[in-house]
Protein backbone atom coordinates (compact mmCIF):
# COMPACT_ATOMS: atom_id res chain seq x y z
CA MET A 1 -3.80 16.88 -13.64
CA PRO A 2 -6.83 14.79 -14.70
CA PRO A 3 -9.49 16.45 -16.85
CA PRO A 4 -12.14 18.29 -14.81
CA ARG A 5 -14.87 15.80 -15.77
CA TYR A 6 -13.30 13.18 -13.52
CA PHE A 7 -13.77 15.40 -10.50
CA SER A 8 -17.39 15.93 -11.54
CA HIS A 9 -17.86 12.18 -11.05
CA PHE A 10 -16.87 12.60 -7.41
CA ARG A 11 -19.22 15.53 -6.93
CA SER A 12 -22.10 13.50 -8.38
CA LEU A 13 -21.78 10.70 -5.81
CA THR A 14 -24.65 10.10 -3.41
CA SER A 15 -24.08 10.45 0.33
CA PRO A 16 -23.77 6.66 0.91
CA GLN A 17 -21.30 6.41 -1.97
CA ARG A 18 -19.18 9.24 -0.57
CA HIS A 19 -19.10 7.70 2.89
CA ALA A 20 -18.17 4.27 1.48
CA PHE A 21 -15.35 5.74 -0.60
CA ALA A 22 -14.10 7.88 2.31
CA ALA A 23 -14.03 4.86 4.63
CA CYS A 24 -12.08 2.73 2.15
CA PHE A 25 -9.68 5.55 1.32
CA LEU A 26 -9.01 6.31 4.98
CA GLY A 27 -8.70 2.64 5.87
CA TRP A 28 -6.00 2.16 3.23
CA SER A 29 -4.30 5.47 4.12
CA LEU A 30 -4.09 4.68 7.82
CA ASP A 31 -3.00 1.12 7.07
CA ALA A 32 -0.09 2.53 5.05
CA PHE A 33 0.58 5.12 7.75
CA ASP A 34 1.09 2.37 10.32
CA TYR A 35 3.30 0.36 7.97
CA PHE A 36 5.57 3.22 6.98
CA LEU A 37 6.17 4.42 10.54
CA LEU A 38 8.44 1.38 10.85
CA VAL A 39 10.22 2.24 7.59
CA PHE A 40 11.31 5.60 9.06
CA CYS A 41 12.39 4.02 12.34
CA VAL A 42 14.65 1.23 11.01
CA SER A 43 17.85 3.02 12.04
CA ALA A 44 16.49 4.08 15.44
CA ILE A 45 15.17 0.59 16.25
CA ALA A 46 18.48 -0.95 15.19
CA ALA A 47 20.32 1.39 17.57
CA ASP A 48 17.88 0.72 20.41
CA PHE A 49 18.19 -3.07 20.12
CA HIS A 50 21.91 -3.00 19.15
CA ALA A 51 21.21 -4.73 15.83
CA ARG A 52 21.99 -4.22 12.15
CA ALA A 53 19.54 -2.39 9.93
CA SER A 54 19.12 -5.59 7.91
CA ALA A 55 18.00 -7.41 11.08
CA VAL A 56 15.31 -4.80 11.68
CA ALA A 57 14.34 -5.01 8.01
CA GLU A 58 13.20 -8.56 8.79
CA ALA A 59 10.18 -6.87 10.39
CA LEU A 60 9.28 -5.45 6.97
CA PHE A 61 9.68 -8.91 5.46
CA LEU A 62 7.41 -10.52 8.07
CA THR A 63 4.75 -7.86 7.61
CA LEU A 64 4.68 -8.49 3.87
CA ALA A 65 5.00 -12.28 4.15
CA PHE A 66 1.95 -12.62 6.43
CA ARG A 67 -0.31 -10.34 4.41
CA PRO A 68 -1.72 -13.20 2.26
CA VAL A 69 -3.09 -14.78 5.46
CA GLY A 70 -5.02 -11.60 6.18
CA ALA A 71 -6.19 -11.28 2.57
CA PHE A 72 -7.70 -14.76 2.73
CA LEU A 73 -9.10 -14.48 6.26
CA PHE A 74 -10.70 -11.04 6.03
CA GLY A 75 -11.69 -11.57 2.38
CA PHE A 76 -13.52 -14.76 3.37
CA LEU A 77 -15.28 -12.92 6.20
CA ALA A 78 -16.23 -10.09 3.85
CA ASP A 79 -17.65 -12.45 1.22
CA LYS A 80 -19.59 -14.39 3.87
CA TRP A 81 -20.70 -11.74 6.39
CA GLY A 82 -20.38 -8.48 4.47
CA ARG A 83 -17.75 -5.93 3.49
CA ARG A 84 -18.63 -3.42 6.22
CA PRO A 85 -18.19 -5.57 9.38
CA ALA A 86 -15.05 -7.20 7.95
CA LEU A 87 -13.52 -3.78 7.27
CA MET A 88 -14.32 -2.60 10.82
CA LEU A 89 -12.73 -5.70 12.37
CA ASN A 90 -9.74 -5.37 10.06
CA ILE A 91 -9.00 -1.76 11.04
CA ALA A 92 -9.43 -2.50 14.75
CA CYS A 93 -6.93 -5.37 14.51
CA TYR A 94 -4.13 -3.49 12.76
CA SER A 95 -4.54 -0.56 15.16
CA ILE A 96 -4.20 -2.84 18.19
CA PHE A 97 -1.09 -4.58 16.84
CA GLU A 98 0.48 -1.22 15.94
CA LEU A 99 -0.01 -0.03 19.51
CA ALA A 100 1.43 -3.26 20.90
CA CYS A 101 4.64 -2.67 18.89
CA ALA A 102 5.33 0.41 21.02
CA PHE A 103 5.83 -1.82 24.04
CA SER A 104 8.10 -4.44 22.45
CA PRO A 105 10.78 -5.44 24.98
CA SER A 106 13.05 -6.95 22.31
CA LEU A 107 13.59 -7.16 18.58
CA HIS A 108 12.27 -10.72 18.63
CA SER A 109 8.94 -9.65 20.12
CA LEU A 110 8.73 -6.76 17.64
CA LEU A 111 9.16 -9.20 14.76
CA ILE A 112 6.29 -11.34 16.07
CA LEU A 113 4.02 -8.32 16.42
CA ARG A 114 4.85 -7.11 12.92
CA ALA A 115 3.89 -10.53 11.57
CA LEU A 116 0.51 -10.20 13.31
CA PHE A 117 0.22 -6.65 12.00
CA GLY A 118 0.88 -8.04 8.52
CA ILE A 119 -2.13 -10.36 8.82
CA ALA A 120 -4.37 -7.40 9.65
CA MET A 121 -2.78 -5.19 7.00
CA GLY A 122 -3.22 -7.85 4.34
CA GLY A 123 -6.98 -7.88 4.62
CA GLU A 124 -7.72 -4.19 4.19
CA TRP A 125 -7.02 -3.67 0.50
CA GLY A 126 -9.24 -6.42 -0.92
CA VAL A 127 -12.16 -5.73 1.42
CA GLY A 128 -11.95 -1.97 0.91
CA ALA A 129 -11.68 -2.23 -2.89
CA ALA A 130 -14.70 -4.54 -3.04
CA LEU A 131 -16.79 -2.21 -0.90
CA ALA A 132 -15.73 0.85 -2.89
CA PHE A 133 -16.18 -0.45 -6.44
CA GLU A 134 -19.40 -2.31 -5.66
CA THR A 135 -20.83 0.94 -4.29
CA LEU A 136 -19.46 3.50 -6.77
CA PRO A 137 -20.78 3.99 -10.32
CA LYS A 138 -18.67 2.58 -13.15
CA GLU A 139 -18.33 6.04 -14.74
CA GLY A 140 -14.96 7.49 -13.75
CA ARG A 141 -13.81 4.18 -12.23
CA GLY A 142 -10.23 4.87 -13.35
CA PHE A 143 -10.18 8.18 -11.48
CA PHE A 144 -11.63 6.57 -8.33
CA SER A 145 -9.06 3.76 -8.66
CA GLY A 146 -6.16 6.21 -8.80
CA LEU A 147 -7.50 8.24 -5.89
CA LEU A 148 -8.26 5.18 -3.76
CA GLN A 149 -4.86 3.56 -4.35
CA GLU A 150 -3.07 6.78 -3.49
CA GLY A 151 -4.51 6.57 -0.02
CA TYR A 152 -1.31 4.52 0.29
CA ALA A 153 0.77 7.57 -0.67
CA VAL A 154 -1.25 9.75 1.68
CA GLY A 155 -0.51 7.31 4.51
CA TYR A 156 3.19 7.39 3.67
CA LEU A 157 3.06 11.20 3.53
CA VAL A 158 1.38 11.42 6.95
CA ALA A 159 3.94 8.98 8.37
CA ALA A 160 6.72 11.18 6.97
CA ALA A 161 5.18 14.30 8.51
CA VAL A 162 4.65 12.63 11.89
CA TYR A 163 8.23 11.33 11.84
CA ALA A 164 9.67 14.70 10.86
CA VAL A 165 7.73 16.58 13.54
CA LEU A 166 7.56 14.14 16.46
CA PHE A 167 10.64 11.91 16.33
CA LYS A 168 13.03 14.47 17.78
CA PRO A 169 10.69 15.51 20.65
CA PHE A 170 10.03 11.85 21.46
CA SER A 171 13.80 11.25 21.44
CA HIS A 172 14.11 13.73 24.34
CA LEU A 173 11.03 12.52 26.22
CA MET A 174 11.60 10.16 29.16
CA TRP A 175 9.13 7.61 30.56
CA HIS A 176 10.05 5.58 33.65
CA GLY A 177 13.71 6.23 33.03
CA HIS A 178 13.65 5.26 29.36
CA VAL A 179 13.68 7.40 26.20
CA VAL A 180 10.32 7.21 24.41
CA GLY A 181 11.90 7.66 20.96
CA TRP A 182 10.44 5.55 18.14
CA ARG A 183 7.94 3.93 20.50
CA GLY A 184 5.99 7.18 20.74
CA LEU A 185 5.34 7.06 17.00
CA PHE A 186 3.77 3.63 17.30
CA ILE A 187 1.47 4.91 20.04
CA VAL A 188 0.34 7.63 17.64
CA GLY A 189 -0.13 4.82 15.10
CA ALA A 190 -3.07 3.45 17.11
CA ALA A 191 -5.23 6.42 16.01
CA PRO A 192 -6.83 4.55 13.05
CA ALA A 193 -9.01 2.69 15.55
CA LEU A 194 -11.22 5.79 15.58
CA LEU A 195 -12.16 5.07 11.95
CA VAL A 196 -14.16 2.06 13.14
CA LEU A 197 -16.65 4.44 14.77
CA TYR A 198 -17.07 6.39 11.53
CA ILE A 199 -17.73 3.23 9.51
CA GLY A 200 -20.22 1.98 12.08
CA LEU A 201 -22.16 5.25 12.04
CA LYS A 202 -21.95 6.40 8.41
CA VAL A 203 -21.10 3.57 6.00
CA GLU A 204 -23.68 1.26 4.42
CA GLU A 205 -23.12 -2.29 3.23
CA SER A 206 -22.22 -2.89 -0.42
CA PRO A 207 -25.43 -3.06 -2.50
CA VAL A 208 -23.90 -5.78 -4.69
CA TRP A 209 -23.10 -7.93 -1.65
CA ARG A 210 -26.63 -7.49 -0.32
CA VAL A 211 -28.05 -8.78 -3.61
CA GLY A 212 -25.57 -11.64 -3.63
CA LEU A 213 -26.56 -12.64 -0.12
CA GLY A 214 -30.22 -12.68 -1.05
CA GLU A 215 -29.49 -14.95 -4.01
CA LYS A 216 -27.38 -17.33 -1.84
CA THR A 217 -24.11 -17.06 -3.71
CA LYS A 218 -23.18 -20.52 -4.97
CA ILE A 219 -19.43 -20.19 -5.53
CA SER A 220 -16.78 -20.80 -2.85
CA VAL A 221 -13.39 -19.16 -2.68
CA ALA A 222 -11.65 -22.39 -3.73
CA SER A 223 -13.98 -23.03 -6.69
CA GLY A 224 -13.79 -19.38 -7.71
CA ILE A 225 -9.98 -19.56 -7.82
CA ARG A 226 -10.05 -22.89 -9.70
CA GLN A 227 -12.54 -21.57 -12.23
CA TYR A 228 -10.43 -18.48 -12.89
CA ALA A 229 -7.01 -20.09 -12.31
CA PRO A 230 -5.21 -18.53 -15.33
CA THR A 231 -6.36 -15.04 -14.34
CA PHE A 232 -5.47 -15.71 -10.70
CA LEU A 233 -1.93 -16.86 -11.58
CA PHE A 234 -1.44 -13.91 -13.91
CA LEU A 235 -2.49 -11.48 -11.15
CA ILE A 236 -0.07 -13.08 -8.67
CA ILE A 237 2.86 -12.63 -11.07
CA LEU A 238 1.69 -9.11 -11.95
CA MET A 239 1.40 -8.13 -8.29
CA ALA A 240 4.85 -9.57 -7.56
CA GLY A 241 6.17 -7.04 -10.05
CA PHE A 242 4.05 -4.24 -8.65
CA ASN A 243 5.10 -4.88 -5.05
CA ALA A 244 8.78 -5.06 -5.98
CA PHE A 245 8.27 -1.76 -7.82
CA SER A 246 6.76 0.05 -4.83
CA HIS A 247 8.54 -1.51 -1.87
CA GLY A 248 11.80 -1.65 -3.81
CA THR A 249 11.76 2.13 -4.24
CA GLN A 250 10.15 3.17 -0.94
CA ASP A 251 10.98 0.96 2.02
CA LEU A 252 14.68 1.73 2.25
CA TYR A 253 14.71 5.17 0.67
CA PRO A 254 14.63 6.90 4.09
CA THR A 255 17.52 4.65 5.17
CA PHE A 256 19.35 5.56 1.93
CA LEU A 257 18.95 9.26 2.72
CA GLN A 258 20.23 8.73 6.27
CA LYS A 259 23.05 6.28 5.58
CA ASP A 260 24.40 7.43 2.21
CA HIS A 261 23.79 11.16 2.67
CA GLY A 262 23.62 11.66 6.45
CA TYR A 263 20.29 13.50 6.43
CA SER A 264 18.50 14.23 9.69
CA ALA A 265 15.04 13.01 10.63
CA ALA A 266 13.56 16.36 9.60
CA LEU A 267 15.22 16.36 6.16
CA THR A 268 14.40 12.69 5.56
CA GLY A 269 10.77 13.29 6.48
CA GLY A 270 10.71 16.39 4.29
CA VAL A 271 11.96 14.53 1.22
CA ALA A 272 9.43 11.77 1.89
CA ILE A 273 6.62 14.33 1.96
CA VAL A 274 7.79 15.65 -1.42
CA TYR A 275 7.92 12.24 -3.11
CA ASN A 276 4.57 11.19 -1.68
CA ILE A 277 2.97 14.29 -3.17
CA GLY A 278 4.39 13.05 -6.48
CA ALA A 279 2.93 9.60 -5.78
CA LEU A 280 -0.51 11.04 -5.10
CA LEU A 281 -0.52 13.11 -8.30
CA GLY A 282 0.83 10.25 -10.41
CA GLY A 283 -1.76 7.79 -9.16
CA ILE A 284 -4.66 10.12 -9.93
CA LEU A 285 -3.29 11.05 -13.37
CA PHE A 286 -2.52 7.55 -14.65
CA GLY A 287 -5.67 6.13 -13.04
CA SER A 288 -7.68 8.72 -14.95
CA LEU A 289 -5.75 8.13 -18.17
CA SER A 290 -6.51 4.42 -17.91
CA GLU A 291 -10.18 5.30 -18.33
CA ARG A 292 -9.40 6.70 -21.77
CA PHE A 293 -6.47 4.63 -23.03
CA GLY A 294 -6.96 1.36 -21.15
CA ARG A 295 -5.60 -0.12 -17.94
CA LYS A 296 -2.70 -1.98 -19.56
CA ARG A 297 -1.38 0.95 -21.58
CA ALA A 298 -1.40 3.22 -18.53
CA ILE A 299 0.54 0.69 -16.43
CA ILE A 300 3.16 0.05 -19.14
CA ALA A 301 3.68 3.75 -19.80
CA ALA A 302 4.18 4.58 -16.12
CA ALA A 303 6.59 1.67 -15.59
CA LEU A 304 8.81 2.53 -18.55
CA LEU A 305 8.84 6.25 -17.73
CA ALA A 306 10.48 5.39 -14.40
CA LEU A 307 13.68 4.30 -16.18
CA PRO A 308 15.01 7.74 -17.21
CA VAL A 309 14.45 9.00 -13.65
CA ILE A 310 16.95 6.54 -12.11
CA PRO A 311 20.03 8.87 -12.18
CA LEU A 312 18.22 11.62 -10.26
CA PHE A 313 16.53 9.17 -7.88
CA ALA A 314 19.55 7.09 -6.87
CA PHE A 315 22.66 9.12 -7.75
CA GLY A 316 21.73 12.74 -7.06
CA HIS A 317 24.39 14.65 -5.12
CA SER A 318 22.23 17.32 -3.51
CA LEU A 319 19.08 17.45 -1.45
CA TYR A 320 17.12 19.19 -4.19
CA VAL A 321 18.18 16.78 -6.93
CA LEU A 322 17.33 13.77 -4.79
CA ALA A 323 13.98 15.27 -3.82
CA ALA A 324 13.17 15.95 -7.48
CA GLY A 325 14.25 12.45 -8.48
CA ALA A 326 12.22 10.85 -5.71
CA PHE A 327 9.18 12.96 -6.65
CA LEU A 328 9.38 11.85 -10.30
CA MET A 329 10.08 8.22 -9.40
CA GLN A 330 7.07 7.93 -7.12
CA PHE A 331 4.96 9.81 -9.67
CA MET A 332 5.65 6.92 -12.06
CA VAL A 333 5.62 4.08 -9.52
CA GLN A 334 2.34 5.10 -7.96
CA GLY A 335 1.08 6.17 -11.37
CA ALA A 336 1.22 2.51 -12.37
CA TRP A 337 -0.29 1.53 -9.03
CA GLY A 338 -3.17 3.94 -9.49
CA VAL A 339 -4.62 1.60 -12.10
CA VAL A 340 -4.43 -1.50 -9.87
CA PRO A 341 -7.64 -1.28 -7.76
CA ALA A 342 -9.87 -0.93 -10.83
CA TYR A 343 -7.91 -3.44 -12.92
CA LEU A 344 -7.84 -6.22 -10.32
CA THR A 345 -11.44 -5.68 -9.24
CA GLU A 346 -12.66 -5.74 -12.86
CA LEU A 347 -10.87 -9.06 -13.44
CA SER A 348 -12.32 -10.70 -10.30
CA PRO A 349 -15.45 -12.90 -10.14
CA GLY A 350 -18.30 -11.26 -8.23
CA PRO A 351 -19.05 -13.90 -5.55
CA VAL A 352 -15.44 -13.84 -4.27
CA ARG A 353 -14.57 -10.26 -5.16
CA ALA A 354 -13.36 -9.41 -1.63
CA THR A 355 -11.03 -12.43 -1.56
CA PHE A 356 -9.83 -12.96 -5.15
CA PRO A 357 -8.02 -9.66 -5.88
CA GLY A 358 -6.74 -9.16 -2.34
CA LEU A 359 -5.34 -12.69 -2.13
CA ALA A 360 -3.68 -12.41 -5.55
CA TYR A 361 -2.24 -9.04 -4.49
CA GLN A 362 -0.81 -10.40 -1.24
CA LEU A 363 0.52 -13.65 -2.73
CA GLY A 364 2.39 -11.54 -5.25
CA ASN A 365 3.56 -9.47 -2.31
CA LEU A 366 4.75 -12.67 -0.61
CA LEU A 367 6.98 -13.53 -3.57
CA THR A 368 8.90 -10.27 -3.10
CA SER A 369 8.53 -9.93 0.68
CA ARG A 370 12.28 -10.28 1.38
CA ASN A 371 13.07 -7.43 -0.97
CA ALA A 372 13.96 -4.94 1.80
CA VAL A 373 16.16 -7.48 3.61
CA LEU A 374 18.04 -8.37 0.44
CA GLN A 375 18.44 -4.71 -0.50
CA ALA A 376 19.75 -3.85 2.98
CA LYS A 377 22.23 -6.74 2.98
CA ALA A 378 23.45 -5.83 -0.51
CA ALA A 379 23.88 -2.21 0.55
CA GLU A 380 25.79 -3.24 3.69
CA ARG A 381 28.05 -5.45 1.59
CA TYR A 382 28.75 -2.99 -1.22
CA GLY A 383 28.51 0.21 0.81
CA SER A 384 25.83 1.95 -1.25
CA TYR A 385 22.05 1.98 -1.02
CA GLY A 386 21.88 4.13 -4.15
CA MET A 387 23.27 1.49 -6.51
CA VAL A 388 20.96 -1.16 -5.04
CA LEU A 389 17.92 1.09 -5.56
CA ALA A 390 18.96 1.85 -9.15
CA VAL A 391 19.38 -1.81 -10.11
CA THR A 392 16.04 -2.64 -8.49
CA VAL A 393 14.16 -0.03 -10.52
CA PHE A 394 15.81 -1.02 -13.80
CA ILE A 395 14.98 -4.72 -13.47
CA VAL A 396 11.50 -4.40 -11.99
CA ALA A 397 10.17 -1.66 -14.30
CA ILE A 398 11.04 -3.72 -17.39
CA PHE A 399 9.62 -6.89 -15.81
CA LEU A 400 6.35 -5.15 -14.94
CA ALA A 401 5.92 -3.72 -18.44
CA ILE A 402 6.50 -7.13 -20.06
CA VAL A 403 4.12 -9.02 -17.75
CA THR A 404 1.36 -6.46 -18.19
CA THR A 405 1.33 -7.01 -21.96
CA PHE A 406 0.10 -10.59 -21.41
CA GLY A 407 -2.99 -9.54 -19.43
CA ARG A 408 -6.47 -8.91 -20.78
CA GLU A 409 -8.38 -5.64 -20.69
CA ALA A 410 -11.66 -5.49 -18.68
CA ARG A 411 -12.16 -1.73 -18.50
CA GLY A 412 -15.71 -0.72 -17.56
CA VAL A 413 -17.06 -4.21 -16.81
CA ALA A 414 -20.22 -4.16 -14.64
CA MET A 415 -19.82 -5.02 -10.95
CA THR A 416 -22.36 -7.80 -10.40
CA VAL A 417 -22.60 -10.88 -8.19
CA GLU A 418 -22.03 -13.10 -11.25
């Protein structure tokens, strides 16, 4: 666990800083919660619509592919009109689209709705990170980065718990002659809309954005990207590696447990809870370590430490071995990710800080957005999800470590409008 002094940073926050961090953390957590509900329901949706799992995995691809649109749209709104209203609109939109998915009459309509959900999902990270790091003190930024990013793991964990507890009851619940099943989970997924009320009542605008507005920020998104083009391109490539690392180990792991090992919804959800606890702890630890040893070193260490975990993660022959392997894998995967919010925000120019990191993140995501589809098709062809997961980790972890070495270090840089 991180040294106690990092937790003292959290205790020293002012009330506005705590509310801002809580809003950004919850926004990212609930965003991930809504995304991962679909991950757990791939098999059930495929059965309902009489389709292959790889066809349903197209919904994951569309969600990821449309996220850059949201990063640009909501980032632009946040840079122009403020982080707070953009975040409120963002959360309302992804909650509405999540609810709409529950009423999809066909797989085709579900795919369209997941694309729209992807636009809303794509905006949250950049806007939330800008609001958080422009509000928080720079002391302990690595710890806050790890904790904020692992809102993603918390969302996955909550999705796993909801799936484990509610999927079976919903599978026996009838509504107008039809089984509620997976659709009930997407109705539950509309709950994040309540967060909009909290932000409206408790969260203040970013102090850095308020200063920037008063000084009439002179840089546009396009000129900001042109001016920092080498950094922008580096971040896109880096985030391609990061997204392949996370989605390549997470999106089809529940399907792997169900298809390769025949685990029930309860066991699958239970294993997912275990590995998301590992993700949460890893993100906080490596985020905190990046404050002492540097962002780059923490990322490289976490990526390379994932390699020896592959046999347990992908080839374990018992529930306990697989759970242990998944715990350790996500400890390393999300350990590397725990450094990302601070690292990307520190490398981003102030006037476009809500757009620049989020857009780079989501464009990198776009490059690997068909990962789940390709993994599912490979598994269907070769008859094993485990081998596909193992090869993915081996290639991506090495790629991520190599790319990170070419970046620059900006640990502790001041968050200003310049």
